[in-house]
Amino acid sequence: MRVVGGAAAWTEGLVSHLQHAPYYQEQLACTRCPLRAEASRVVGGVGPLDARILLVGQNPGDQEDKRGEPFIGRGGEELDAWLTRMRLARVKLAITNCVKCHTADNRPPKNKEVIICRDQWLGRELDALTVCEVLMPLGKPALFGVIG
């Protein structure tokens, strides 16, 4: 498998993509919790609908909030290095966060914030993925978001 990294080529050529899922525009307009007031935008998941692996992070950081894509800042650089070592192609994975909005001062999201986003969006993202076999939470808030 050829290793492909970086967010620049993330959506190029992807037709069946999480950003085309039926709920995506509704997700971008979400105001279900106070975090939306702190964030520049809602950051939805990315990746092909036929991804076999879904990586779930905690919540968007500063760069993700500015650009609207998960894992493109410092965490994204670390993720790309990890994926390269594992020989996984980023464009073949689905990547999201359990909380879709940036938090002030990059604090970890509170459990109640995780629950609101999880209950509204994470299940819908999973349902949109047609053949997902592996769901990998990255960090404590993401683990809580996945298993409660």
Protein backbone atom coordinates (compact mmCIF):
# COMPACT_ATOMS: atom_id res chain seq x y z
CA MET A 1 0.00 0.00 0.00
CA ARG A 2 1.40 3.39 -0.96
CA VAL A 3 1.53 5.81 1.94
CA VAL A 4 -0.29 9.06 1.34
CA GLY A 5 -0.14 11.74 4.01
CA GLY A 6 -1.18 15.30 4.57
CA ALA A 7 -4.50 17.03 4.48
CA ALA A 8 -3.86 18.90 1.22
CA ALA A 9 -4.86 15.91 -0.92
CA TRP A 10 -7.53 14.81 1.51
CA THR A 11 -10.69 15.25 -0.53
CA GLU A 12 -9.24 15.29 -4.04
CA GLY A 13 -11.06 12.79 -6.20
CA LEU A 14 -13.26 11.45 -3.41
CA VAL A 15 -16.88 11.21 -4.52
CA SER A 16 -18.25 8.91 -1.81
CA HIS A 17 -17.02 10.90 1.14
CA LEU A 18 -18.27 11.69 4.64
CA GLN A 19 -18.60 15.32 3.54
CA HIS A 20 -21.30 14.15 1.12
CA ALA A 21 -23.30 12.22 3.74
CA PRO A 22 -26.95 13.32 4.10
CA TYR A 23 -26.47 14.76 7.61
CA TYR A 24 -23.31 16.77 6.84
CA GLN A 25 -24.90 20.19 6.21
CA GLU A 26 -27.07 19.77 9.31
CA GLN A 27 -23.92 18.94 11.29
CA LEU A 28 -22.17 22.12 10.12
CA ALA A 29 -25.14 24.19 11.36
CA CYS A 30 -25.31 22.49 14.77
CA THR A 31 -25.87 24.69 17.84
CA ARG A 32 -26.86 21.96 20.34
CA CYS A 33 -24.31 22.94 22.98
CA PRO A 34 -22.46 26.08 24.17
CA LEU A 35 -19.20 25.02 22.49
CA ARG A 36 -20.49 26.27 19.14
CA ALA A 37 -20.26 29.84 20.46
CA GLU A 38 -16.54 29.31 21.22
CA ALA A 39 -15.70 27.78 17.85
CA SER A 40 -15.31 29.36 14.41
CA ARG A 41 -17.05 26.40 12.82
CA VAL A 42 -18.24 22.84 13.34
CA VAL A 43 -15.58 20.42 12.11
CA GLY A 44 -17.14 17.28 10.66
CA GLY A 45 -15.45 14.02 9.80
CA VAL A 46 -13.58 13.32 6.59
CA GLY A 47 -12.78 10.20 4.65
CA PRO A 48 -14.25 7.80 2.14
CA LEU A 49 -17.57 6.13 2.92
CA ASP A 50 -15.94 2.75 2.23
CA ALA A 51 -13.20 3.30 4.85
CA ARG A 52 -12.49 0.18 6.85
CA ILE A 53 -10.93 2.18 9.72
CA LEU A 54 -12.43 5.12 11.60
CA LEU A 55 -10.11 7.16 13.81
CA VAL A 56 -11.90 9.21 16.47
CA GLY A 57 -10.07 12.09 18.13
CA GLN A 58 -11.07 14.34 21.00
CA ASN A 59 -12.05 17.64 19.38
CA PRO A 60 -10.67 20.15 16.86
CA GLY A 61 -7.66 22.27 17.79
CA ASP A 62 -6.88 25.80 16.62
CA GLN A 63 -5.83 24.84 13.08
CA GLU A 64 -8.74 22.48 12.59
CA ASP A 65 -11.13 25.20 13.77
CA LYS A 66 -9.64 27.66 11.27
CA ARG A 67 -9.63 25.28 8.28
CA GLY A 68 -12.59 23.02 9.00
CA GLU A 69 -10.83 19.63 8.78
CA PRO A 70 -9.88 17.23 11.58
CA PHE A 71 -6.24 16.44 12.34
CA ILE A 72 -4.46 19.05 10.23
CA GLY A 73 -2.59 20.89 13.00
CA ARG A 74 0.06 19.56 15.38
CA GLY A 75 -2.01 16.46 16.12
CA GLY A 76 -2.37 15.87 12.40
CA GLU A 77 1.39 15.99 11.93
CA GLU A 78 1.79 13.38 14.67
CA LEU A 79 -0.99 11.29 13.14
CA ASP A 80 0.63 11.46 9.68
CA ALA A 81 3.96 10.29 11.15
CA TRP A 82 2.20 7.42 12.92
CA LEU A 83 0.28 6.45 9.77
CA THR A 84 3.51 6.48 7.75
CA ARG A 85 5.17 4.15 10.26
CA MET A 86 2.13 1.87 10.10
CA ARG A 87 2.05 2.06 6.28
CA LEU A 88 -1.55 3.26 6.31
CA ALA A 89 -2.82 5.63 3.64
CA ARG A 90 -4.61 8.58 5.24
CA VAL A 91 -6.92 8.97 2.25
CA LYS A 92 -8.26 5.46 2.85
CA LEU A 93 -9.25 6.20 6.47
CA ALA A 94 -12.20 8.04 7.94
CA ILE A 95 -11.19 10.55 10.60
CA THR A 96 -13.46 12.45 12.96
CA ASN A 97 -13.65 13.80 16.49
CA CYS A 98 -16.06 12.83 19.23
CA VAL A 99 -16.69 16.57 19.77
CA LYS A 100 -17.07 18.66 16.62
CA CYS A 101 -16.22 22.11 18.05
CA HIS A 102 -13.00 23.67 19.28
CA THR A 103 -12.84 24.40 23.01
CA ALA A 104 -11.51 27.64 24.50
CA ASP A 105 -7.82 27.34 25.40
CA ASN A 106 -7.78 23.85 23.85
CA ARG A 107 -9.15 22.33 27.05
CA PRO A 108 -10.36 18.73 26.86
CA PRO A 109 -14.12 18.56 26.29
CA LYS A 110 -16.31 17.85 29.30
CA ASN A 111 -18.18 14.55 29.43
CA LYS A 112 -21.53 16.29 28.91
CA GLU A 113 -20.14 17.94 25.73
CA VAL A 114 -18.89 14.58 24.49
CA ILE A 115 -22.29 13.00 25.15
CA ILE A 116 -24.17 15.72 23.21
CA CYS A 117 -21.95 15.33 20.14
CA ARG A 118 -21.73 11.55 20.37
CA ASP A 119 -25.47 11.11 20.64
CA GLN A 120 -26.16 13.47 17.76
CA TRP A 121 -23.28 12.84 15.31
CA LEU A 122 -20.92 9.93 15.96
CA GLY A 123 -23.54 7.25 15.34
CA ARG A 124 -24.60 8.94 12.11
CA GLU A 125 -20.99 9.06 10.94
CA LEU A 126 -20.61 5.35 11.72
CA ASP A 127 -23.84 4.56 9.88
CA ALA A 128 -22.56 6.43 6.81
CA LEU A 129 -19.45 4.24 6.66
CA THR A 130 -20.50 1.20 4.66
CA VAL A 131 -17.74 -1.29 5.58
CA CYS A 132 -16.05 0.05 8.71
CA GLU A 133 -14.37 -2.78 10.61
CA VAL A 134 -12.15 -0.92 13.08
CA LEU A 135 -13.09 2.03 15.27
CA MET A 136 -10.03 3.47 17.00
CA PRO A 137 -10.46 6.16 19.66
CA LEU A 138 -7.42 8.40 20.09
CA GLY A 139 -7.30 9.57 23.71
CA LYS A 140 -9.46 9.52 26.82
CA PRO A 141 -12.30 11.84 25.66
CA ALA A 142 -12.55 9.89 22.40
CA LEU A 143 -12.63 6.58 24.28
CA PHE A 144 -15.44 7.95 26.47
CA GLY A 145 -17.21 9.14 23.33
CA VAL A 146 -17.02 5.69 21.79
CA ILE A 147 -17.83 3.44 24.76
CA GLY A 148 -19.44 5.85 27.22
